[in-house]
Amino acid sequence: AEMAEGTLPLERFKEYIRQDYAYLADFARCLGLAAAKADDMETMRIFASLMNGCLTGEVERLEGLSERLGIPLDVLRGTELAPANLAYTRHLLHVAYSGSVGEIVAAMLPCMWSYQIIGERLVESPALVDRPFYHEWASIYSSESYAELVGWYIDMTNRYAEGSGDETRRRMMEHFILSSRYEYLFWEMAYRGEGWEG
C-alpha cells in the first residue's frame, strides 16, 4: 500500500532491491537446472534463454537502478541473504536439484506471477509519477513482454501437471503453495528490514 501511495521509505526499497538481487542468482541457477532436465531441445533452449534473460536483463536492470539509488555495486553484489530469503532460495534449489521440470516450474511460478500482479497494480498509481524509482520498477513487471513470459510459465506448469501422475501433481501443488508463502515472507522481510540480528 505504501508503495502505491508513494510513501514507502526509500531505505526499505533499497533493502528490497539488495535482497532481490541476491535472490536472482539462485533463481537463475534453477532455470539452468530446468534446462538441464528438459525433455527436448526446444524446452532446453527456452530455459537457457530465460536464464540468460534473468542474468543479462533483470540483473543488469537492478544494477542500473541500484546505482541510481546510491547503492555501490560492490555493496549490492556482497549482499548477504536474509533468513527468509535464504530459506526461500534453498527451497527453490532443493526442488530444482531433486525434482522434475514440472516441479521446478511449479515452484518458480509464484515469484513471476505475483510480480506481474503487483507490477500491473502499482504502475497505474498516480502517486508513482513523483517516485520515478518505484515507477521504473513497476514498469518492468507490468510490461507486455513480462505478461507473455508469465503466461508461458502458467501454460508450462499446466502442461506438466496434465502429463503427470497424481503423486507428481501433488508435489507440484505443494511446491507452488510453499513458494507462495515464501513470496509473502520475502516481502515482509524486505519491508521490516529483517536480518540475522533480529
N, C-alpha and C. Protein backbone atom coordinates (compact mmCIF):
# COMPACT_ATOMS: atom_id res chain seq x y z
N ALA A 1 0.83 -1.19 0.00
CA ALA A 1 0.00 0.00 0.00
C ALA A 1 0.87 1.25 0.00
N GLU A 2 1.95 1.25 0.80
CA GLU A 2 2.81 2.44 0.87
C GLU A 2 3.48 2.73 -0.47
N MET A 3 3.86 1.68 -1.19
CA MET A 3 4.49 1.91 -2.49
C MET A 3 3.49 2.52 -3.46
N ALA A 4 2.27 2.02 -3.46
CA ALA A 4 1.23 2.55 -4.34
C ALA A 4 0.90 3.99 -4.01
N GLU A 5 1.02 4.35 -2.74
CA GLU A 5 0.73 5.71 -2.30
C GLU A 5 1.94 6.63 -2.46
N GLY A 6 3.09 6.04 -2.80
CA GLY A 6 4.31 6.83 -2.94
C GLY A 6 4.94 7.22 -1.62
N THR A 7 4.53 6.54 -0.53
CA THR A 7 5.03 6.90 0.81
C THR A 7 6.03 5.89 1.36
N LEU A 8 6.34 4.85 0.60
CA LEU A 8 7.29 3.85 1.09
C LEU A 8 8.66 4.50 1.26
N PRO A 9 9.26 4.40 2.46
CA PRO A 9 10.59 4.98 2.66
C PRO A 9 11.61 4.37 1.69
N LEU A 10 12.44 5.22 1.12
CA LEU A 10 13.40 4.77 0.11
C LEU A 10 14.36 3.72 0.66
N GLU A 11 14.70 3.81 1.95
CA GLU A 11 15.63 2.84 2.54
C GLU A 11 15.05 1.43 2.51
N ARG A 12 13.74 1.32 2.68
CA ARG A 12 13.11 0.00 2.62
C ARG A 12 13.15 -0.54 1.19
N PHE A 13 12.94 0.34 0.24
CA PHE A 13 13.01 -0.08 -1.16
C PHE A 13 14.43 -0.51 -1.52
N LYS A 14 15.42 0.20 -1.02
CA LYS A 14 16.82 -0.18 -1.27
C LYS A 14 17.12 -1.57 -0.70
N GLU A 15 16.62 -1.84 0.49
CA GLU A 15 16.86 -3.16 1.09
C GLU A 15 16.18 -4.25 0.26
N TYR A 16 14.98 -3.95 -0.21
CA TYR A 16 14.31 -4.91 -1.09
C TYR A 16 15.14 -5.17 -2.34
N ILE A 17 15.66 -4.13 -2.98
CA ILE A 17 16.45 -4.28 -4.21
C ILE A 17 17.67 -5.15 -3.94
N ARG A 18 18.34 -4.92 -2.82
CA ARG A 18 19.54 -5.72 -2.49
C ARG A 18 19.17 -7.19 -2.31
N GLN A 19 18.10 -7.47 -1.60
CA GLN A 19 17.71 -8.86 -1.38
C GLN A 19 17.22 -9.51 -2.66
N ASP A 20 16.51 -8.75 -3.48
CA ASP A 20 16.03 -9.29 -4.76
C ASP A 20 17.21 -9.64 -5.66
N TYR A 21 18.21 -8.79 -5.66
CA TYR A 21 19.42 -9.04 -6.46
C TYR A 21 20.08 -10.34 -6.02
N ALA A 22 20.20 -10.53 -4.72
CA ALA A 22 20.81 -11.76 -4.20
C ALA A 22 19.95 -12.98 -4.54
N TYR A 23 18.65 -12.82 -4.49
CA TYR A 23 17.71 -13.90 -4.82
C TYR A 23 17.86 -14.35 -6.27
N LEU A 24 18.05 -13.39 -7.17
CA LEU A 24 18.06 -13.71 -8.60
C LEU A 24 19.19 -14.64 -9.00
N ALA A 25 20.29 -14.63 -8.27
CA ALA A 25 21.39 -15.55 -8.60
C ALA A 25 20.92 -17.00 -8.49
N ASP A 26 20.20 -17.31 -7.42
CA ASP A 26 19.71 -18.68 -7.25
C ASP A 26 18.53 -18.97 -8.17
N PHE A 27 17.73 -17.96 -8.46
CA PHE A 27 16.63 -18.14 -9.41
C PHE A 27 17.19 -18.53 -10.78
N ALA A 28 18.27 -17.87 -11.18
CA ALA A 28 18.93 -18.20 -12.46
C ALA A 28 19.49 -19.62 -12.43
N ARG A 29 20.05 -20.03 -11.31
CA ARG A 29 20.56 -21.40 -11.19
C ARG A 29 19.43 -22.42 -11.40
N CYS A 30 18.26 -22.11 -10.85
CA CYS A 30 17.11 -23.02 -11.02
C CYS A 30 16.70 -23.12 -12.48
N LEU A 31 16.76 -22.01 -13.20
CA LEU A 31 16.45 -22.04 -14.63
C LEU A 31 17.46 -22.90 -15.37
N GLY A 32 18.73 -22.81 -14.99
CA GLY A 32 19.75 -23.64 -15.61
C GLY A 32 19.53 -25.12 -15.34
N LEU A 33 19.11 -25.45 -14.13
CA LEU A 33 18.83 -26.85 -13.81
C LEU A 33 17.60 -27.35 -14.55
N ALA A 34 16.61 -26.48 -14.74
CA ALA A 34 15.43 -26.86 -15.53
C ALA A 34 15.84 -27.14 -16.97
N ALA A 35 16.75 -26.32 -17.51
CA ALA A 35 17.23 -26.55 -18.88
C ALA A 35 17.93 -27.90 -18.97
N ALA A 36 18.74 -28.21 -17.97
CA ALA A 36 19.48 -29.48 -17.99
C ALA A 36 18.55 -30.69 -17.91
N LYS A 37 17.41 -30.52 -17.25
CA LYS A 37 16.48 -31.65 -17.06
C LYS A 37 15.39 -31.71 -18.13
N ALA A 38 15.33 -30.72 -19.00
CA ALA A 38 14.26 -30.67 -20.00
C ALA A 38 14.29 -31.88 -20.92
N ASP A 39 13.10 -32.28 -21.40
CA ASP A 39 12.95 -33.48 -22.22
C ASP A 39 13.33 -33.28 -23.68
N ASP A 40 13.32 -32.04 -24.14
CA ASP A 40 13.57 -31.81 -25.57
C ASP A 40 14.39 -30.54 -25.76
N MET A 41 14.96 -30.41 -26.95
CA MET A 41 15.86 -29.29 -27.24
C MET A 41 15.15 -27.94 -27.17
N GLU A 42 13.91 -27.88 -27.63
CA GLU A 42 13.20 -26.61 -27.64
C GLU A 42 13.00 -26.10 -26.21
N THR A 43 12.58 -27.00 -25.30
CA THR A 43 12.39 -26.60 -23.91
C THR A 43 13.72 -26.22 -23.28
N MET A 44 14.78 -26.95 -23.63
CA MET A 44 16.11 -26.60 -23.14
C MET A 44 16.49 -25.19 -23.58
N ARG A 45 16.24 -24.88 -24.84
CA ARG A 45 16.57 -23.55 -25.37
C ARG A 45 15.79 -22.46 -24.64
N ILE A 46 14.52 -22.73 -24.38
CA ILE A 46 13.69 -21.73 -23.71
C ILE A 46 14.22 -21.44 -22.32
N PHE A 47 14.51 -22.50 -21.55
CA PHE A 47 15.01 -22.29 -20.19
C PHE A 47 16.39 -21.62 -20.20
N ALA A 48 17.23 -22.01 -21.16
CA ALA A 48 18.55 -21.38 -21.27
C ALA A 48 18.41 -19.89 -21.60
N SER A 49 17.45 -19.59 -22.47
CA SER A 49 17.19 -18.19 -22.83
C SER A 49 16.65 -17.41 -21.63
N LEU A 50 15.79 -18.05 -20.85
CA LEU A 50 15.25 -17.41 -19.65
C LEU A 50 16.34 -17.14 -18.63
N MET A 51 17.26 -18.10 -18.48
CA MET A 51 18.37 -17.90 -17.56
C MET A 51 19.23 -16.72 -18.01
N ASN A 52 19.52 -16.69 -19.31
CA ASN A 52 20.31 -15.59 -19.85
C ASN A 52 19.58 -14.26 -19.68
N GLY A 53 18.27 -14.26 -19.91
CA GLY A 53 17.48 -13.05 -19.73
C GLY A 53 17.48 -12.57 -18.29
N CYS A 54 17.45 -13.52 -17.37
CA CYS A 54 17.49 -13.18 -15.94
C CYS A 54 18.82 -12.51 -15.60
N LEU A 55 19.91 -13.10 -16.09
CA LEU A 55 21.25 -12.61 -15.74
C LEU A 55 21.65 -11.34 -16.48
N THR A 56 21.21 -11.21 -17.73
CA THR A 56 21.63 -10.03 -18.51
C THR A 56 20.54 -8.98 -18.61
N GLY A 57 19.30 -9.35 -18.32
CA GLY A 57 18.21 -8.39 -18.38
C GLY A 57 17.84 -7.89 -17.00
N GLU A 58 17.21 -8.77 -16.22
CA GLU A 58 16.70 -8.36 -14.91
C GLU A 58 17.83 -7.95 -13.96
N VAL A 59 18.89 -8.74 -13.93
CA VAL A 59 20.01 -8.43 -13.03
C VAL A 59 20.66 -7.10 -13.43
N GLU A 60 20.88 -6.90 -14.72
CA GLU A 60 21.50 -5.64 -15.16
C GLU A 60 20.60 -4.44 -14.90
N ARG A 61 19.28 -4.62 -15.03
CA ARG A 61 18.36 -3.53 -14.70
C ARG A 61 18.46 -3.16 -13.22
N LEU A 62 18.55 -4.19 -12.37
CA LEU A 62 18.68 -3.92 -10.93
C LEU A 62 20.01 -3.25 -10.61
N GLU A 63 21.06 -3.63 -11.32
CA GLU A 63 22.36 -2.98 -11.11
C GLU A 63 22.27 -1.50 -11.48
N GLY A 64 21.62 -1.20 -12.60
CA GLY A 64 21.46 0.20 -13.00
C GLY A 64 20.60 0.98 -12.03
N LEU A 65 19.50 0.37 -11.60
CA LEU A 65 18.61 1.02 -10.64
C LEU A 65 19.34 1.25 -9.32
N SER A 66 20.10 0.26 -8.88
CA SER A 66 20.84 0.37 -7.62
C SER A 66 21.85 1.51 -7.68
N GLU A 67 22.52 1.62 -8.81
CA GLU A 67 23.50 2.71 -8.97
C GLU A 67 22.82 4.07 -8.82
N ARG A 68 21.64 4.21 -9.43
CA ARG A 68 20.91 5.48 -9.33
C ARG A 68 20.36 5.72 -7.93
N LEU A 69 20.16 4.63 -7.18
CA LEU A 69 19.70 4.74 -5.80
C LEU A 69 20.85 5.01 -4.83
N GLY A 70 22.08 4.97 -5.34
CA GLY A 70 23.23 5.22 -4.49
C GLY A 70 23.78 3.99 -3.79
N ILE A 71 23.41 2.81 -4.28
CA ILE A 71 23.95 1.56 -3.73
C ILE A 71 25.16 1.17 -4.56
N PRO A 72 26.37 1.21 -3.99
CA PRO A 72 27.56 0.82 -4.76
C PRO A 72 27.46 -0.62 -5.24
N LEU A 73 28.02 -0.90 -6.41
CA LEU A 73 27.93 -2.23 -7.00
C LEU A 73 28.55 -3.28 -6.10
N ASP A 74 29.66 -2.97 -5.43
CA ASP A 74 30.29 -3.95 -4.55
C ASP A 74 29.41 -4.26 -3.34
N VAL A 75 28.67 -3.27 -2.87
CA VAL A 75 27.73 -3.50 -1.76
C VAL A 75 26.57 -4.37 -2.24
N LEU A 76 26.05 -4.05 -3.41
CA LEU A 76 24.95 -4.84 -3.98
C LEU A 76 25.37 -6.29 -4.15
N ARG A 77 26.53 -6.51 -4.76
CA ARG A 77 26.99 -7.87 -5.03
C ARG A 77 27.40 -8.62 -3.76
N GLY A 78 27.69 -7.89 -2.71
CA GLY A 78 28.07 -8.53 -1.46
C GLY A 78 26.92 -8.73 -0.49
N THR A 79 25.70 -8.51 -0.95
CA THR A 79 24.53 -8.64 -0.08
C THR A 79 24.39 -10.06 0.45
N GLU A 80 24.26 -10.17 1.76
CA GLU A 80 24.03 -11.47 2.40
C GLU A 80 22.54 -11.78 2.37
N LEU A 81 22.20 -13.00 2.02
CA LEU A 81 20.80 -13.39 2.03
C LEU A 81 20.24 -13.30 3.44
N ALA A 82 19.15 -12.58 3.61
CA ALA A 82 18.45 -12.53 4.89
C ALA A 82 17.80 -13.89 5.15
N PRO A 83 17.44 -14.19 6.41
CA PRO A 83 16.92 -15.52 6.73
C PRO A 83 15.76 -16.00 5.85
N ALA A 84 14.76 -15.16 5.63
CA ALA A 84 13.62 -15.59 4.81
C ALA A 84 14.04 -15.81 3.37
N ASN A 85 14.95 -14.98 2.88
CA ASN A 85 15.45 -15.12 1.51
C ASN A 85 16.27 -16.40 1.37
N LEU A 86 17.09 -16.68 2.36
CA LEU A 86 17.89 -17.91 2.34
C LEU A 86 16.98 -19.13 2.34
N ALA A 87 15.95 -19.12 3.19
CA ALA A 87 15.03 -20.26 3.25
C ALA A 87 14.31 -20.44 1.91
N TYR A 88 13.89 -19.34 1.31
CA TYR A 88 13.17 -19.39 0.04
C TYR A 88 14.07 -19.95 -1.07
N THR A 89 15.27 -19.41 -1.20
CA THR A 89 16.15 -19.87 -2.28
C THR A 89 16.59 -21.31 -2.06
N ARG A 90 16.76 -21.72 -0.81
CA ARG A 90 17.13 -23.12 -0.56
C ARG A 90 15.98 -24.05 -0.93
N HIS A 91 14.76 -23.61 -0.69
CA HIS A 91 13.59 -24.38 -1.13
C HIS A 91 13.60 -24.54 -2.65
N LEU A 92 13.80 -23.43 -3.37
CA LEU A 92 13.82 -23.49 -4.83
C LEU A 92 14.94 -24.38 -5.35
N LEU A 93 16.12 -24.25 -4.77
CA LEU A 93 17.26 -25.06 -5.22
C LEU A 93 17.05 -26.53 -4.91
N HIS A 94 16.44 -26.82 -3.77
CA HIS A 94 16.16 -28.23 -3.43
C HIS A 94 15.23 -28.84 -4.47
N VAL A 95 14.18 -28.11 -4.83
CA VAL A 95 13.26 -28.60 -5.85
C VAL A 95 13.98 -28.75 -7.19
N ALA A 96 14.80 -27.76 -7.53
CA ALA A 96 15.50 -27.78 -8.83
C ALA A 96 16.47 -28.95 -8.93
N TYR A 97 17.15 -29.27 -7.84
CA TYR A 97 18.11 -30.38 -7.86
C TYR A 97 17.42 -31.74 -7.79
N SER A 98 16.36 -31.84 -7.00
CA SER A 98 15.77 -33.15 -6.73
C SER A 98 14.47 -33.43 -7.48
N GLY A 99 13.84 -32.39 -8.02
CA GLY A 99 12.53 -32.58 -8.64
C GLY A 99 12.57 -32.64 -10.15
N SER A 100 11.40 -32.84 -10.72
CA SER A 100 11.24 -32.87 -12.17
C SER A 100 11.12 -31.45 -12.71
N VAL A 101 11.11 -31.31 -14.03
CA VAL A 101 10.93 -29.98 -14.63
C VAL A 101 9.58 -29.40 -14.22
N GLY A 102 8.56 -30.23 -14.20
CA GLY A 102 7.24 -29.77 -13.77
C GLY A 102 7.25 -29.22 -12.36
N GLU A 103 7.97 -29.90 -11.47
CA GLU A 103 8.07 -29.42 -10.09
C GLU A 103 8.84 -28.10 -10.03
N ILE A 104 9.87 -27.97 -10.86
CA ILE A 104 10.66 -26.74 -10.86
C ILE A 104 9.80 -25.56 -11.30
N VAL A 105 9.06 -25.71 -12.40
CA VAL A 105 8.26 -24.57 -12.87
C VAL A 105 7.14 -24.24 -11.89
N ALA A 106 6.59 -25.26 -11.23
CA ALA A 106 5.55 -25.01 -10.23
C ALA A 106 6.11 -24.23 -9.04
N ALA A 107 7.34 -24.55 -8.65
CA ALA A 107 7.96 -23.86 -7.52
C ALA A 107 8.35 -22.43 -7.88
N MET A 108 8.70 -22.18 -9.14
CA MET A 108 9.16 -20.86 -9.56
C MET A 108 8.02 -19.93 -9.97
N LEU A 109 6.87 -20.49 -10.31
CA LEU A 109 5.76 -19.69 -10.82
C LEU A 109 5.26 -18.61 -9.87
N PRO A 110 5.11 -18.87 -8.56
CA PRO A 110 4.58 -17.81 -7.69
C PRO A 110 5.37 -16.51 -7.72
N CYS A 111 6.68 -16.60 -7.83
CA CYS A 111 7.51 -15.39 -7.90
C CYS A 111 7.11 -14.57 -9.12
N MET A 112 7.11 -15.19 -10.27
CA MET A 112 6.86 -14.47 -11.51
C MET A 112 5.42 -13.96 -11.57
N TRP A 113 4.50 -14.79 -11.18
CA TRP A 113 3.08 -14.43 -11.27
C TRP A 113 2.74 -13.29 -10.32
N SER A 114 3.24 -13.38 -9.08
CA SER A 114 2.93 -12.33 -8.10
C SER A 114 3.55 -10.99 -8.52
N TYR A 115 4.74 -11.03 -9.11
CA TYR A 115 5.36 -9.79 -9.56
C TYR A 115 4.54 -9.14 -10.68
N GLN A 116 3.98 -9.95 -11.55
CA GLN A 116 3.13 -9.40 -12.61
C GLN A 116 1.91 -8.70 -12.00
N ILE A 117 1.26 -9.37 -11.07
CA ILE A 117 0.06 -8.80 -10.44
C ILE A 117 0.40 -7.49 -9.72
N ILE A 118 1.49 -7.51 -8.95
CA ILE A 118 1.90 -6.32 -8.21
C ILE A 118 2.29 -5.19 -9.16
N GLY A 119 3.10 -5.53 -10.17
CA GLY A 119 3.53 -4.52 -11.13
C GLY A 119 2.37 -3.86 -11.85
N GLU A 120 1.40 -4.67 -12.29
CA GLU A 120 0.25 -4.13 -13.03
C GLU A 120 -0.61 -3.22 -12.15
N ARG A 121 -0.70 -3.54 -10.87
CA ARG A 121 -1.49 -2.69 -9.97
C ARG A 121 -0.75 -1.39 -9.64
N LEU A 122 0.55 -1.51 -9.41
CA LEU A 122 1.32 -0.34 -8.99
C LEU A 122 1.51 0.67 -10.11
N VAL A 123 1.73 0.19 -11.33
CA VAL A 123 2.08 1.11 -12.42
C VAL A 123 0.95 2.09 -12.73
N GLU A 124 -0.27 1.75 -12.34
CA GLU A 124 -1.42 2.63 -12.57
C GLU A 124 -1.57 3.69 -11.48
N SER A 125 -0.78 3.59 -10.42
CA SER A 125 -0.93 4.52 -9.30
C SER A 125 -0.43 5.92 -9.66
N PRO A 126 -1.28 6.94 -9.53
CA PRO A 126 -0.85 8.32 -9.83
C PRO A 126 0.30 8.78 -8.94
N ALA A 127 0.37 8.22 -7.72
CA ALA A 127 1.41 8.65 -6.77
C ALA A 127 2.81 8.29 -7.25
N LEU A 128 2.92 7.28 -8.11
CA LEU A 128 4.25 6.85 -8.56
C LEU A 128 4.86 7.80 -9.59
N VAL A 129 4.06 8.70 -10.13
CA VAL A 129 4.59 9.67 -11.09
C VAL A 129 5.71 10.49 -10.44
N ASP A 130 5.54 10.78 -9.16
CA ASP A 130 6.54 11.57 -8.44
C ASP A 130 7.60 10.69 -7.78
N ARG A 131 7.50 9.39 -7.96
CA ARG A 131 8.51 8.47 -7.39
C ARG A 131 9.07 7.63 -8.54
N PRO A 132 9.98 8.21 -9.32
CA PRO A 132 10.44 7.53 -10.55
C PRO A 132 11.08 6.17 -10.32
N PHE A 133 11.76 5.98 -9.18
CA PHE A 133 12.37 4.68 -8.91
C PHE A 133 11.30 3.60 -8.79
N TYR A 134 10.21 3.91 -8.10
CA TYR A 134 9.13 2.94 -7.91
C TYR A 134 8.40 2.69 -9.22
N HIS A 135 8.20 3.76 -9.99
CA HIS A 135 7.51 3.61 -11.27
C HIS A 135 8.34 2.78 -12.24
N GLU A 136 9.65 3.00 -12.25
CA GLU A 136 10.54 2.23 -13.12
C GLU A 136 10.47 0.75 -12.77
N TRP A 137 10.49 0.45 -11.47
CA TRP A 137 10.42 -0.95 -11.03
C TRP A 137 9.09 -1.57 -11.47
N ALA A 138 7.99 -0.87 -11.21
CA ALA A 138 6.66 -1.40 -11.56
C ALA A 138 6.52 -1.59 -13.06
N SER A 139 7.14 -0.73 -13.84
CA SER A 139 7.04 -0.82 -15.30
C SER A 139 7.64 -2.10 -15.85
N ILE A 140 8.69 -2.59 -15.20
CA ILE A 140 9.34 -3.83 -15.64
C ILE A 140 8.35 -4.99 -15.59
N TYR A 141 7.61 -5.06 -14.49
CA TYR A 141 6.75 -6.23 -14.25
C TYR A 141 5.32 -6.04 -14.75
N SER A 142 5.05 -4.88 -15.35
CA SER A 142 3.72 -4.66 -15.92
C SER A 142 3.78 -4.61 -17.45
N SER A 143 4.93 -4.93 -18.01
CA SER A 143 5.10 -4.86 -19.46
C SER A 143 4.41 -6.03 -20.16
N GLU A 144 4.12 -5.86 -21.44
CA GLU A 144 3.51 -6.94 -22.23
C GLU A 144 4.45 -8.13 -22.33
N SER A 145 5.74 -7.86 -22.47
CA SER A 145 6.70 -8.97 -22.60
C SER A 145 6.75 -9.79 -21.32
N TYR A 146 6.63 -9.11 -20.17
CA TYR A 146 6.64 -9.86 -18.91
C TYR A 146 5.35 -10.67 -18.76
N ALA A 147 4.23 -10.10 -19.18
CA ALA A 147 2.95 -10.82 -19.13
C ALA A 147 3.01 -12.06 -20.01
N GLU A 148 3.65 -11.95 -21.17
CA GLU A 148 3.81 -13.11 -22.06
C GLU A 148 4.66 -14.19 -21.40
N LEU A 149 5.71 -13.77 -20.71
CA LEU A 149 6.58 -14.71 -20.01
C LEU A 149 5.83 -15.45 -18.92
N VAL A 150 5.05 -14.72 -18.14
CA VAL A 150 4.26 -15.34 -17.07
C VAL A 150 3.23 -16.29 -17.67
N GLY A 151 2.61 -15.89 -18.76
CA GLY A 151 1.65 -16.77 -19.44
C GLY A 151 2.30 -18.05 -19.89
N TRP A 152 3.53 -17.96 -20.40
CA TRP A 152 4.27 -19.17 -20.81
C TRP A 152 4.51 -20.06 -19.60
N TYR A 153 4.89 -19.48 -18.47
CA TYR A 153 5.14 -20.27 -17.25
C TYR A 153 3.87 -20.97 -16.79
N ILE A 154 2.77 -20.26 -16.82
CA ILE A 154 1.50 -20.87 -16.42
C ILE A 154 1.15 -22.02 -17.34
N ASP A 155 1.27 -21.80 -18.65
CA ASP A 155 0.98 -22.87 -19.62
C ASP A 155 1.90 -24.06 -19.42
N MET A 156 3.18 -23.79 -19.18
CA MET A 156 4.15 -24.86 -18.97
C MET A 156 3.81 -25.65 -17.70
N THR A 157 3.45 -24.95 -16.64
CA THR A 157 3.08 -25.62 -15.40
C THR A 157 1.86 -26.51 -15.62
N ASN A 158 0.85 -25.98 -16.31
CA ASN A 158 -0.35 -26.77 -16.59
C ASN A 158 -0.04 -27.97 -17.48
N ARG A 159 0.83 -27.77 -18.46
CA ARG A 159 1.20 -28.87 -19.36
C ARG A 159 1.86 -30.01 -18.60
N TYR A 160 2.79 -29.66 -17.73
CA TYR A 160 3.47 -30.70 -16.95
C TYR A 160 2.51 -31.36 -15.96
N ALA A 161 1.61 -30.57 -15.37
CA ALA A 161 0.64 -31.14 -14.43
C ALA A 161 -0.28 -32.13 -15.14
N GLU A 162 -0.75 -31.76 -16.33
CA GLU A 162 -1.66 -32.63 -17.08
C GLU A 162 -0.98 -33.91 -17.53
N GLY A 163 0.32 -33.87 -17.76
CA GLY A 163 1.04 -35.04 -18.23
C GLY A 163 1.67 -35.87 -17.13
N SER A 164 1.38 -35.52 -15.88
CA SER A 164 1.99 -36.21 -14.75
C SER A 164 0.98 -37.02 -13.97
N GLY A 165 1.49 -37.93 -13.17
CA GLY A 165 0.63 -38.73 -12.31
C GLY A 165 0.22 -37.96 -11.07
N ASP A 166 -0.65 -38.58 -10.28
CA ASP A 166 -1.19 -37.92 -9.09
C ASP A 166 -0.10 -37.49 -8.11
N GLU A 167 0.90 -38.33 -7.91
CA GLU A 167 1.95 -38.02 -6.93
C GLU A 167 2.77 -36.81 -7.36
N THR A 168 3.12 -36.74 -8.63
CA THR A 168 3.88 -35.58 -9.12
C THR A 168 3.03 -34.32 -9.05
N ARG A 169 1.76 -34.43 -9.40
CA ARG A 169 0.87 -33.25 -9.31
C ARG A 169 0.75 -32.78 -7.86
N ARG A 170 0.70 -33.73 -6.94
CA ARG A 170 0.62 -33.36 -5.51
C ARG A 170 1.88 -32.59 -5.10
N ARG A 171 3.05 -33.08 -5.53
CA ARG A 171 4.29 -32.39 -5.19
C ARG A 171 4.35 -31.01 -5.85
N MET A 172 3.89 -30.91 -7.09
CA MET A 172 3.86 -29.61 -7.77
C MET A 172 3.01 -28.61 -6.98
N MET A 173 1.85 -29.08 -6.51
CA MET A 173 0.97 -28.21 -5.73
C MET A 173 1.64 -27.79 -4.43
N GLU A 174 2.30 -28.74 -3.77
CA GLU A 174 2.99 -28.42 -2.52
C GLU A 174 4.08 -27.37 -2.74
N HIS A 175 4.85 -27.55 -3.81
CA HIS A 175 5.92 -26.60 -4.11
C HIS A 175 5.35 -25.22 -4.42
N PHE A 176 4.25 -25.19 -5.18
CA PHE A 176 3.62 -23.91 -5.53
C PHE A 176 3.14 -23.19 -4.27
N ILE A 177 2.49 -23.92 -3.39
CA ILE A 177 1.95 -23.31 -2.16
C ILE A 177 3.08 -22.82 -1.27
N LEU A 178 4.13 -23.64 -1.09
CA LEU A 178 5.24 -23.23 -0.23
C LEU A 178 5.96 -22.01 -0.81
N SER A 179 6.16 -22.00 -2.12
CA SER A 179 6.79 -20.83 -2.74
C SER A 179 5.93 -19.58 -2.57
N SER A 180 4.62 -19.74 -2.65
CA SER A 180 3.72 -18.59 -2.44
C SER A 180 3.87 -18.04 -1.03
N ARG A 181 4.01 -18.94 -0.07
CA ARG A 181 4.21 -18.49 1.32
C ARG A 181 5.55 -17.78 1.46
N TYR A 182 6.57 -18.33 0.83
CA TYR A 182 7.88 -17.68 0.88
C TYR A 182 7.86 -16.32 0.20
N GLU A 183 7.08 -16.17 -0.86
CA GLU A 183 6.96 -14.87 -1.51
C GLU A 183 6.45 -13.83 -0.52
N TYR A 184 5.43 -14.20 0.22
CA TYR A 184 4.88 -13.29 1.23
C TYR A 184 5.95 -12.94 2.27
N LEU A 185 6.66 -13.98 2.75
CA LEU A 185 7.69 -13.75 3.75
C LEU A 185 8.82 -12.89 3.21
N PHE A 186 9.13 -13.03 1.92
CA PHE A 186 10.18 -12.21 1.30
C PHE A 186 9.81 -10.74 1.38
N TRP A 187 8.58 -10.42 1.00
CA TRP A 187 8.14 -9.02 1.03
C TRP A 187 8.13 -8.49 2.46
N GLU A 188 7.67 -9.29 3.40
CA GLU A 188 7.66 -8.88 4.81
C GLU A 188 9.08 -8.63 5.31
N MET A 189 10.00 -9.52 4.95
CA MET A 189 11.40 -9.41 5.34
C MET A 189 11.99 -8.10 4.84
N ALA A 190 11.76 -7.80 3.55
CA ALA A 190 12.32 -6.58 2.97
C ALA A 190 11.71 -5.33 3.60
N TYR A 191 10.41 -5.38 3.84
CA TYR A 191 9.73 -4.22 4.42
C TYR A 191 10.21 -3.94 5.84
N ARG A 192 10.37 -5.01 6.61
CA ARG A 192 10.78 -4.85 8.01
C ARG A 192 12.29 -4.75 8.18
N GLY A 193 13.02 -5.00 7.10
CA GLY A 193 14.48 -4.96 7.19
C GLY A 193 15.04 -6.08 8.05
N GLU A 194 14.39 -7.24 8.00
CA GLU A 194 14.79 -8.35 8.86
C GLU A 194 16.11 -8.95 8.38
N GLY A 195 17.01 -9.13 9.32
CA GLY A 195 18.29 -9.76 9.04
C GLY A 195 18.63 -10.77 10.11
N TRP A 196 19.87 -11.14 10.18
CA TRP A 196 20.29 -12.15 11.14
C TRP A 196 20.36 -11.59 12.56
N GLU A 197 20.32 -10.27 12.69
CA GLU A 197 20.43 -9.68 14.02
C GLU A 197 19.07 -9.60 14.72
N GLY A 198 18.01 -9.91 13.97
CA GLY A 198 16.69 -9.91 14.58
C GLY A 198 15.75 -8.90 13.97
